[in-house]
Amino acid sequence: MAQIVPTVYAPEDDEDLSSALISALSEAKGRDVSQDECVLYDNIDPDALDTLFRSDRDSDTVKIEFATHDAIVVVWRDSRISIEVQDLESDPNYQ
């Protein structure tokens, strides 16, 4: 069975997290997901996400995982923010 390799995206320093999530999803899926019927904000609160991952917070590692656009998204911050997207549509076992 083939293993699905997730796409890892590192936001630019001046890129807000909501835009970075759209970019990461678009890169993983090979298309612009901002035009999809399902929008990111149907699945997650961008203000809460920005607060959780704010750069002036303490140095604890923060990690969340959620599903959107037929993908699993993992966002974490230790010294830097990283976004990992696993496109479920490319998984032959996903229905």
PDB file of N, CA and C in Angstrom:
ATOM      1  N   MET A   1       0.841  -1.181   0.000  1.00  0.00           N
ATOM      2  CA  MET A   1       0.000   0.000   0.000  1.00  0.00           C
ATOM      3  C   MET A   1       0.888   1.247   0.000  1.00  0.00           C
ATOM      4  N   ALA A   2       0.595   2.181  -0.872  1.00  0.00           N
ATOM      5  CA  ALA A   2       1.369   3.424  -0.971  1.00  0.00           C
ATOM      6  C   ALA A   2       1.033   4.337   0.201  1.00  0.00           C
ATOM      7  N   GLN A   3       2.055   4.953   0.747  1.00  0.00           N
ATOM      8  CA  GLN A   3       1.862   5.880   1.851  1.00  0.00           C
ATOM      9  C   GLN A   3       1.747   7.295   1.307  1.00  0.00           C
ATOM     10  N   ILE A   4       0.780   8.045   1.817  1.00  0.00           N
ATOM     11  CA  ILE A   4       0.581   9.428   1.397  1.00  0.00           C
ATOM     12  C   ILE A   4       1.574  10.302   2.159  1.00  0.00           C
ATOM     13  N   VAL A   5       2.393  11.036   1.436  1.00  0.00           N
ATOM     14  CA  VAL A   5       3.386  11.915   2.048  1.00  0.00           C
ATOM     15  C   VAL A   5       2.769  13.296   2.193  1.00  0.00           C
ATOM     16  N   PRO A   6       2.712  13.813   3.411  1.00  0.00           N
ATOM     17  CA  PRO A   6       2.116  15.136   3.606  1.00  0.00           C
ATOM     18  C   PRO A   6       2.997  16.248   3.042  1.00  0.00           C
ATOM     19  N   THR A   7       2.355  17.348   2.691  1.00  0.00           N
ATOM     20  CA  THR A   7       3.047  18.555   2.262  1.00  0.00           C
ATOM     21  C   THR A   7       3.333  19.387   3.503  1.00  0.00           C
ATOM     22  N   VAL A   8       4.562  19.832   3.670  1.00  0.00           N
ATOM     23  CA  VAL A   8       4.925  20.680   4.808  1.00  0.00           C
ATOM     24  C   VAL A   8       5.152  22.094   4.285  1.00  0.00           C
ATOM     25  N   TYR A   9       4.530  23.044   4.943  1.00  0.00           N
ATOM     26  CA  TYR A   9       4.580  24.441   4.523  1.00  0.00           C
ATOM     27  C   TYR A   9       5.076  25.291   5.691  1.00  0.00           C
ATOM     28  N   ALA A  10       6.026  26.157   5.452  1.00  0.00           N
ATOM     29  CA  ALA A  10       6.534  27.088   6.463  1.00  0.00           C
ATOM     30  C   ALA A  10       6.140  28.500   6.047  1.00  0.00           C
ATOM     31  N   PRO A  11       5.254  29.140   6.806  1.00  0.00           N
ATOM     32  CA  PRO A  11       4.825  30.499   6.449  1.00  0.00           C
ATOM     33  C   PRO A  11       5.980  31.496   6.468  1.00  0.00           C
ATOM     34  N   GLU A  12       5.860  32.500   5.622  1.00  0.00           N
ATOM     35  CA  GLU A  12       6.821  33.612   5.632  1.00  0.00           C
ATOM     36  C   GLU A  12       6.630  34.383   6.943  1.00  0.00           C
ATOM     37  N   ASP A  13       7.637  35.109   7.374  1.00  0.00           N
ATOM     38  CA  ASP A  13       7.564  35.858   8.629  1.00  0.00           C
ATOM     39  C   ASP A  13       6.431  36.878   8.644  1.00  0.00           C
ATOM     40  N   ASP A  14       6.136  37.489   7.498  1.00  0.00           N
ATOM     41  CA  ASP A  14       5.096  38.514   7.442  1.00  0.00           C
ATOM     42  C   ASP A  14       3.739  37.973   6.978  1.00  0.00           C
ATOM     43  N   GLU A  15       3.610  36.658   6.813  1.00  0.00           N
ATOM     44  CA  GLU A  15       2.372  36.038   6.327  1.00  0.00           C
ATOM     45  C   GLU A  15       1.472  35.692   7.515  1.00  0.00           C
ATOM     46  N   ASP A  16       0.205  36.154   7.472  1.00  0.00           N
ATOM     47  CA  ASP A  16      -0.689  35.813   8.569  1.00  0.00           C
ATOM     48  C   ASP A  16      -1.073  34.333   8.465  1.00  0.00           C
ATOM     49  N   LEU A  17      -1.450  33.741   9.593  1.00  0.00           N
ATOM     50  CA  LEU A  17      -1.669  32.304   9.656  1.00  0.00           C
ATOM     51  C   LEU A  17      -2.824  31.840   8.773  1.00  0.00           C
ATOM     52  N   SER A  18      -3.886  32.612   8.691  1.00  0.00           N
ATOM     53  CA  SER A  18      -5.022  32.237   7.839  1.00  0.00           C
ATOM     54  C   SER A  18      -4.604  32.146   6.371  1.00  0.00           C
ATOM     55  N   SER A  19      -3.842  33.118   5.910  1.00  0.00           N
ATOM     56  CA  SER A  19      -3.346  33.085   4.526  1.00  0.00           C
ATOM     57  C   SER A  19      -2.392  31.918   4.320  1.00  0.00           C
ATOM     58  N   ALA A  20      -1.563  31.651   5.319  1.00  0.00           N
ATOM     59  CA  ALA A  20      -0.629  30.534   5.228  1.00  0.00           C
ATOM     60  C   ALA A  20      -1.365  29.201   5.128  1.00  0.00           C
ATOM     61  N   LEU A  21      -2.468  29.057   5.853  1.00  0.00           N
ATOM     62  CA  LEU A  21      -3.254  27.824   5.772  1.00  0.00           C
ATOM     63  C   LEU A  21      -3.837  27.632   4.376  1.00  0.00           C
ATOM     64  N   ILE A  22      -4.348  28.696   3.783  1.00  0.00           N
ATOM     65  CA  ILE A  22      -4.888  28.621   2.429  1.00  0.00           C
ATOM     66  C   ILE A  22      -3.773  28.257   1.448  1.00  0.00           C
ATOM     67  N   SER A  23      -2.608  28.875   1.600  1.00  0.00           N
ATOM     68  CA  SER A  23      -1.470  28.564   0.730  1.00  0.00           C
ATOM     69  C   SER A  23      -1.029  27.118   0.881  1.00  0.00           C
ATOM     70  N   ALA A  24      -0.964  26.630   2.113  1.00  0.00           N
ATOM     71  CA  ALA A  24      -0.547  25.248   2.367  1.00  0.00           C
ATOM     72  C   ALA A  24      -1.538  24.258   1.767  1.00  0.00           C
ATOM     73  N   LEU A  25      -2.830  24.505   1.955  1.00  0.00           N
ATOM     74  CA  LEU A  25      -3.858  23.632   1.372  1.00  0.00           C
ATOM     75  C   LEU A  25      -3.799  23.667  -0.152  1.00  0.00           C
ATOM     76  N   SER A  26      -3.650  24.852  -0.724  1.00  0.00           N
ATOM     77  CA  SER A  26      -3.581  24.989  -2.186  1.00  0.00           C
ATOM     78  C   SER A  26      -2.370  24.257  -2.746  1.00  0.00           C
ATOM     79  N   GLU A  27      -1.230  24.379  -2.066  1.00  0.00           N
ATOM     80  CA  GLU A  27      -0.014  23.708  -2.515  1.00  0.00           C
ATOM     81  C   GLU A  27      -0.184  22.188  -2.456  1.00  0.00           C
ATOM     82  N   ALA A  28      -0.759  21.686  -1.372  1.00  0.00           N
ATOM     83  CA  ALA A  28      -0.930  20.238  -1.200  1.00  0.00           C
ATOM     84  C   ALA A  28      -1.909  19.660  -2.223  1.00  0.00           C
ATOM     85  N   LYS A  29      -2.946  20.425  -2.550  1.00  0.00           N
ATOM     86  CA  LYS A  29      -3.975  19.934  -3.455  1.00  0.00           C
ATOM     87  C   LYS A  29      -3.695  20.266  -4.919  1.00  0.00           C
ATOM     88  N   GLY A  30      -2.740  21.151  -5.169  1.00  0.00           N
ATOM     89  CA  GLY A  30      -2.399  21.501  -6.540  1.00  0.00           C
ATOM     90  C   GLY A  30      -3.430  22.382  -7.216  1.00  0.00           C
ATOM     91  N   ARG A  31      -4.190  23.129  -6.415  1.00  0.00           N
ATOM     92  CA  ARG A  31      -5.202  24.048  -6.948  1.00  0.00           C
ATOM     93  C   ARG A  31      -5.511  25.104  -5.898  1.00  0.00           C
ATOM     94  N   ASP A  32      -6.153  26.188  -6.310  1.00  0.00           N
ATOM     95  CA  ASP A  32      -6.502  27.281  -5.400  1.00  0.00           C
ATOM     96  C   ASP A  32      -7.753  26.903  -4.613  1.00  0.00           C
ATOM     97  N   VAL A  33      -7.598  26.582  -3.329  1.00  0.00           N
ATOM     98  CA  VAL A  33      -8.750  26.169  -2.530  1.00  0.00           C
ATOM     99  C   VAL A  33      -9.583  27.352  -2.060  1.00  0.00           C
ATOM    100  N   SER A  34      -9.099  28.571  -2.251  1.00  0.00           N
ATOM    101  CA  SER A  34      -9.873  29.738  -1.820  1.00  0.00           C
ATOM    102  C   SER A  34     -11.158  29.891  -2.628  1.00  0.00           C
ATOM    103  N   GLN A  35     -11.245  29.224  -3.764  1.00  0.00           N
ATOM    104  CA  GLN A  35     -12.443  29.297  -4.601  1.00  0.00           C
ATOM    105  C   GLN A  35     -13.422  28.153  -4.323  1.00  0.00           C
ATOM    106  N   ASP A  36     -13.067  27.245  -3.399  1.00  0.00           N
ATOM    107  CA  ASP A  36     -13.926  26.103  -3.079  1.00  0.00           C
ATOM    108  C   ASP A  36     -15.204  26.546  -2.384  1.00  0.00           C
ATOM    109  N   GLU A  37     -16.228  25.717  -2.510  1.00  0.00           N
ATOM    110  CA  GLU A  37     -17.502  25.982  -1.836  1.00  0.00           C
ATOM    111  C   GLU A  37     -17.307  25.931  -0.316  1.00  0.00           C
ATOM    112  N   CYS A  38     -16.539  24.968   0.152  1.00  0.00           N
ATOM    113  CA  CYS A  38     -16.217  24.853   1.572  1.00  0.00           C
ATOM    114  C   CYS A  38     -15.066  25.800   1.864  1.00  0.00           C
ATOM    115  N   VAL A  39     -15.284  26.745   2.757  1.00  0.00           N
ATOM    116  CA  VAL A  39     -14.209  27.671   3.094  1.00  0.00           C
ATOM    117  C   VAL A  39     -13.585  27.266   4.425  1.00  0.00           C
ATOM    118  N   LEU A  40     -12.363  27.656   4.623  1.00  0.00           N
ATOM    119  CA  LEU A  40     -11.612  27.302   5.821  1.00  0.00           C
ATOM    120  C   LEU A  40     -12.360  27.709   7.092  1.00  0.00           C
ATOM    121  N   TYR A  41     -13.005  28.862   7.050  1.00  0.00           N
ATOM    122  CA  TYR A  41     -13.661  29.398   8.241  1.00  0.00           C
ATOM    123  C   TYR A  41     -14.905  28.614   8.636  1.00  0.00           C
ATOM    124  N   ASP A  42     -15.360  27.687   7.786  1.00  0.00           N
ATOM    125  CA  ASP A  42     -16.442  26.784   8.169  1.00  0.00           C
ATOM    126  C   ASP A  42     -15.941  25.750   9.174  1.00  0.00           C
ATOM    127  N   ASN A  43     -14.626  25.548   9.235  1.00  0.00           N
ATOM    128  CA  ASN A  43     -14.048  24.489  10.049  1.00  0.00           C
ATOM    129  C   ASN A  43     -13.220  24.969  11.235  1.00  0.00           C
ATOM    130  N   ILE A  44     -12.764  26.204  11.202  1.00  0.00           N
ATOM    131  CA  ILE A  44     -11.885  26.694  12.267  1.00  0.00           C
ATOM    132  C   ILE A  44     -12.047  28.204  12.413  1.00  0.00           C
ATOM    133  N   ASP A  45     -11.906  28.687  13.631  1.00  0.00           N
ATOM    134  CA  ASP A  45     -12.014  30.110  13.928  1.00  0.00           C
ATOM    135  C   ASP A  45     -10.644  30.765  13.731  1.00  0.00           C
ATOM    136  N   PRO A  46     -10.478  31.613  12.712  1.00  0.00           N
ATOM    137  CA  PRO A  46      -9.162  32.194  12.438  1.00  0.00           C
ATOM    138  C   PRO A  46      -8.649  33.092  13.568  1.00  0.00           C
ATOM    139  N   ASP A  47      -9.544  33.802  14.257  1.00  0.00           N
ATOM    140  CA  ASP A  47      -9.104  34.659  15.365  1.00  0.00           C
ATOM    141  C   ASP A  47      -8.555  33.819  16.515  1.00  0.00           C
ATOM    142  N   ALA A  48      -9.223  32.718  16.830  1.00  0.00           N
ATOM    143  CA  ALA A  48      -8.741  31.825  17.886  1.00  0.00           C
ATOM    144  C   ALA A  48      -7.402  31.208  17.491  1.00  0.00           C
ATOM    145  N   LEU A  49      -7.278  30.841  16.228  1.00  0.00           N
ATOM    146  CA  LEU A  49      -6.032  30.261  15.730  1.00  0.00           C
ATOM    147  C   LEU A  49      -4.886  31.267  15.831  1.00  0.00           C
ATOM    148  N   ASP A  50      -5.139  32.514  15.412  1.00  0.00           N
ATOM    149  CA  ASP A  50      -4.113  33.550  15.502  1.00  0.00           C
ATOM    150  C   ASP A  50      -3.699  33.793  16.951  1.00  0.00           C
ATOM    151  N   THR A  51      -4.665  33.798  17.865  1.00  0.00           N
ATOM    152  CA  THR A  51      -4.363  33.995  19.280  1.00  0.00           C
ATOM    153  C   THR A  51      -3.521  32.848  19.825  1.00  0.00           C
ATOM    154  N   LEU A  52      -3.882  31.648  19.473  1.00  0.00           N
ATOM    155  CA  LEU A  52      -3.171  30.466  19.951  1.00  0.00           C
ATOM    156  C   LEU A  52      -1.724  30.432  19.479  1.00  0.00           C
ATOM    157  N   PHE A  53      -1.489  30.886  18.238  1.00  0.00           N
ATOM    158  CA  PHE A  53      -0.152  30.814  17.648  1.00  0.00           C
ATOM    159  C   PHE A  53       0.573  32.159  17.624  1.00  0.00           C
ATOM    160  N   ARG A  54       0.088  33.117  18.383  1.00  0.00           N
ATOM    161  CA  ARG A  54       0.711  34.437  18.456  1.00  0.00           C
ATOM    162  C   ARG A  54       2.192  34.315  18.807  1.00  0.00           C
ATOM    163  N   SER A  55       3.033  35.070  18.141  1.00  0.00           N
ATOM    164  CA  SER A  55       4.484  34.958  18.335  1.00  0.00           C
ATOM    165  C   SER A  55       4.957  35.475  19.690  1.00  0.00           C
ATOM    166  N   ASP A  56       4.161  36.303  20.360  1.00  0.00           N
ATOM    167  CA  ASP A  56       4.607  36.837  21.651  1.00  0.00           C
ATOM    168  C   ASP A  56       4.197  35.956  22.828  1.00  0.00           C
ATOM    169  N   ARG A  57       3.588  34.808  22.547  1.00  0.00           N
ATOM    170  CA  ARG A  57       3.230  33.873  23.623  1.00  0.00           C
ATOM    171  C   ARG A  57       4.489  33.190  24.137  1.00  0.00           C
ATOM    172  N   ASP A  58       4.344  32.493  25.240  1.00  0.00           N
ATOM    173  CA  ASP A  58       5.514  31.810  25.807  1.00  0.00           C
ATOM    174  C   ASP A  58       6.059  30.772  24.831  1.00  0.00           C
ATOM    175  N   SER A  59       7.138  30.166  25.162  1.00  0.00           N
ATOM    176  CA  SER A  59       7.837  29.285  24.231  1.00  0.00           C
ATOM    177  C   SER A  59       7.335  27.839  24.225  1.00  0.00           C
ATOM    178  N   ASP A  60       6.182  27.585  24.845  1.00  0.00           N
ATOM    179  CA  ASP A  60       5.631  26.232  24.815  1.00  0.00           C
ATOM    180  C   ASP A  60       5.307  25.808  23.394  1.00  0.00           C
ATOM    181  N   THR A  61       5.427  24.529  23.131  1.00  0.00           N
ATOM    182  CA  THR A  61       5.042  23.997  21.832  1.00  0.00           C
ATOM    183  C   THR A  61       3.519  23.922  21.767  1.00  0.00           C
ATOM    184  N   VAL A  62       2.956  24.382  20.665  1.00  0.00           N
ATOM    185  CA  VAL A  62       1.518  24.356  20.439  1.00  0.00           C
ATOM    186  C   VAL A  62       1.264  23.538  19.185  1.00  0.00           C
ATOM    187  N   LYS A  63       0.266  22.651  19.248  1.00  0.00           N
ATOM    188  CA  LYS A  63      -0.056  21.819  18.086  1.00  0.00           C
ATOM    189  C   LYS A  63      -1.563  21.589  18.036  1.00  0.00           C
ATOM    190  N   ILE A  64      -2.137  21.774  16.839  1.00  0.00           N
ATOM    191  CA  ILE A  64      -3.547  21.462  16.625  1.00  0.00           C
ATOM    192  C   ILE A  64      -3.672  20.649  15.346  1.00  0.00           C
ATOM    193  N   GLU A  65      -4.758  19.911  15.249  1.00  0.00           N
ATOM    194  CA  GLU A  65      -5.037  19.113  14.057  1.00  0.00           C
ATOM    195  C   GLU A  65      -6.528  19.238  13.766  1.00  0.00           C
ATOM    196  N   PHE A  66      -6.862  19.411  12.479  1.00  0.00           N
ATOM    197  CA  PHE A  66      -8.263  19.487  12.080  1.00  0.00           C
ATOM    198  C   PHE A  66      -8.393  19.027  10.637  1.00  0.00           C
ATOM    199  N   ALA A  67      -9.616  18.749  10.241  1.00  0.00           N
ATOM    200  CA  ALA A  67      -9.894  18.318   8.868  1.00  0.00           C
ATOM    201  C   ALA A  67     -10.664  19.412   8.141  1.00  0.00           C
ATOM    202  N   THR A  68     -10.281  19.638   6.896  1.00  0.00           N
ATOM    203  CA  THR A  68     -10.958  20.599   6.028  1.00  0.00           C
ATOM    204  C   THR A  68     -10.586  20.303   4.584  1.00  0.00           C
ATOM    205  N   HIS A  69     -11.444  20.613   3.650  1.00  0.00           N
ATOM    206  CA  HIS A  69     -11.172  20.453   2.221  1.00  0.00           C
ATOM    207  C   HIS A  69     -10.658  19.038   1.891  1.00  0.00           C
ATOM    208  N   ASP A  70     -11.232  18.021   2.523  1.00  0.00           N
ATOM    209  CA  ASP A  70     -10.787  16.635   2.326  1.00  0.00           C
ATOM    210  C   ASP A  70      -9.291  16.482   2.576  1.00  0.00           C
ATOM    211  N   ALA A  71      -8.825  17.120   3.632  1.00  0.00           N
ATOM    212  CA  ALA A  71      -7.416  17.032   4.023  1.00  0.00           C
ATOM    213  C   ALA A  71      -7.319  17.088   5.545  1.00  0.00           C
ATOM    214  N   ILE A  72      -6.240  16.531   6.058  1.00  0.00           N
ATOM    215  CA  ILE A  72      -5.925  16.662   7.470  1.00  0.00           C
ATOM    216  C   ILE A  72      -4.815  17.702   7.578  1.00  0.00           C
ATOM    217  N   VAL A  73      -5.040  18.698   8.432  1.00  0.00           N
ATOM    218  CA  VAL A  73      -4.100  19.797   8.602  1.00  0.00           C
ATOM    219  C   VAL A  73      -3.560  19.762  10.029  1.00  0.00           C
ATOM    220  N   VAL A  74      -2.248  19.812  10.160  1.00  0.00           N
ATOM    221  CA  VAL A  74      -1.600  19.887  11.469  1.00  0.00           C
ATOM    222  C   VAL A  74      -0.787  21.170  11.485  1.00  0.00           C
ATOM    223  N   VAL A  75      -1.048  22.007  12.486  1.00  0.00           N
ATOM    224  CA  VAL A  75      -0.307  23.256  12.647  1.00  0.00           C
ATOM    225  C   VAL A  75       0.414  23.169  13.985  1.00  0.00           C
ATOM    226  N   TRP A  76       1.717  23.455  13.986  1.00  0.00           N
ATOM    227  CA  TRP A  76       2.442  23.461  15.244  1.00  0.00           C
ATOM    228  C   TRP A  76       3.455  24.581  15.269  1.00  0.00           C
ATOM    229  N   ARG A  77       3.771  24.974  16.505  1.00  0.00           N
ATOM    230  CA  ARG A  77       4.777  26.005  16.704  1.00  0.00           C
ATOM    231  C   ARG A  77       5.674  25.558  17.841  1.00  0.00           C
ATOM    232  N   ASP A  78       6.947  25.523  17.556  1.00  0.00           N
ATOM    233  CA  ASP A  78       7.944  25.403  18.613  1.00  0.00           C
ATOM    234  C   ASP A  78       8.778  26.673  18.487  1.00  0.00           C
ATOM    235  N   SER A  79       9.856  26.654  17.787  1.00  0.00           N
ATOM    236  CA  SER A  79      10.582  27.900  17.539  1.00  0.00           C
ATOM    237  C   SER A  79      10.005  28.654  16.334  1.00  0.00           C
ATOM    238  N   ARG A  80       9.284  27.957  15.474  1.00  0.00           N
ATOM    239  CA  ARG A  80       8.684  28.512  14.251  1.00  0.00           C
ATOM    240  C   ARG A  80       7.372  27.794  13.972  1.00  0.00           C
ATOM    241  N   ILE A  81       6.513  28.384  13.189  1.00  0.00           N
ATOM    242  CA  ILE A  81       5.244  27.747  12.817  1.00  0.00           C
ATOM    243  C   ILE A  81       5.453  26.882  11.582  1.00  0.00           C
ATOM    244  N   SER A  82       4.887  25.690  11.601  1.00  0.00           N
ATOM    245  CA  SER A  82       4.893  24.789  10.444  1.00  0.00           C
ATOM    246  C   SER A  82       3.478  24.276  10.227  1.00  0.00           C
ATOM    247  N   ILE A  83       3.145  24.048   8.980  1.00  0.00           N
ATOM    248  CA  ILE A  83       1.831  23.524   8.606  1.00  0.00           C
ATOM    249  C   ILE A  83       2.053  22.277   7.774  1.00  0.00           C
ATOM    250  N   GLU A  84       1.412  21.195   8.169  1.00  0.00           N
ATOM    251  CA  GLU A  84       1.504  19.931   7.433  1.00  0.00           C
ATOM    252  C   GLU A  84       0.110  19.591   6.915  1.00  0.00           C
ATOM    253  N   VAL A  85       0.008  19.273   5.636  1.00  0.00           N
ATOM    254  CA  VAL A  85      -1.282  18.953   5.024  1.00  0.00           C
ATOM    255  C   VAL A  85      -1.193  17.579   4.375  1.00  0.00           C
ATOM    256  N   GLN A  86      -2.113  16.705   4.766  1.00  0.00           N
ATOM    257  CA  GLN A  86      -2.222  15.395   4.130  1.00  0.00           C
ATOM    258  C   GLN A  86      -3.500  15.404   3.300  1.00  0.00           C
ATOM    259  N   ASP A  87      -3.349  15.391   1.986  1.00  0.00           N
ATOM    260  CA  ASP A  87      -4.481  15.432   1.060  1.00  0.00           C
ATOM    261  C   ASP A  87      -5.141  14.060   1.022  1.00  0.00           C
ATOM    262  N   LEU A  88      -6.320  13.933   1.606  1.00  0.00           N
ATOM    263  CA  LEU A  88      -7.000  12.644   1.662  1.00  0.00           C
ATOM    264  C   LEU A  88      -7.537  12.198   0.303  1.00  0.00           C
ATOM    265  N   GLU A  89      -7.772  13.145  -0.603  1.00  0.00           N
ATOM    266  CA  GLU A  89      -8.278  12.791  -1.934  1.00  0.00           C
ATOM    267  C   GLU A  89      -7.264  11.952  -2.712  1.00  0.00           C
ATOM    268  N   SER A  90      -5.981  12.092  -2.386  1.00  0.00           N
ATOM    269  CA  SER A  90      -4.978  11.307  -3.091  1.00  0.00           C
ATOM    270  C   SER A  90      -4.743   9.942  -2.436  1.00  0.00           C
ATOM    271  N   ASP A  91      -5.456   9.673  -1.343  1.00  0.00           N
ATOM    272  CA  ASP A  91      -5.354   8.385  -0.647  1.00  0.00           C
ATOM    273  C   ASP A  91      -6.380   7.431  -1.241  1.00  0.00           C
ATOM    274  N   PRO A  92      -5.947   6.319  -1.855  1.00  0.00           N
ATOM    275  CA  PRO A  92      -6.898   5.390  -2.491  1.00  0.00           C
ATOM    276  C   PRO A  92      -7.857   4.732  -1.495  1.00  0.00           C
ATOM    277  N   ASN A  93      -7.543   4.765  -0.206  1.00  0.00           N
ATOM    278  CA  ASN A  93      -8.410   4.164   0.802  1.00  0.00           C
ATOM    279  C   ASN A  93      -9.427   5.141   1.371  1.00  0.00           C
ATOM    280  N   TYR A  94      -9.356   6.423   0.993  1.00  0.00           N
ATOM    281  CA  TYR A  94     -10.261   7.453   1.498  1.00  0.00           C
ATOM    282  C   TYR A  94     -11.542   7.474   0.675  1.00  0.00           C
ATOM    283  N   GLN A  95     -12.648   7.559   1.377  1.00  0.00           N
ATOM    284  CA  GLN A  95     -13.942   7.649   0.681  1.00  0.00           C
ATOM    285  C   GLN A  95     -14.759   8.762   1.232  1.00  0.00           C
TER     286      GLN A  95
END
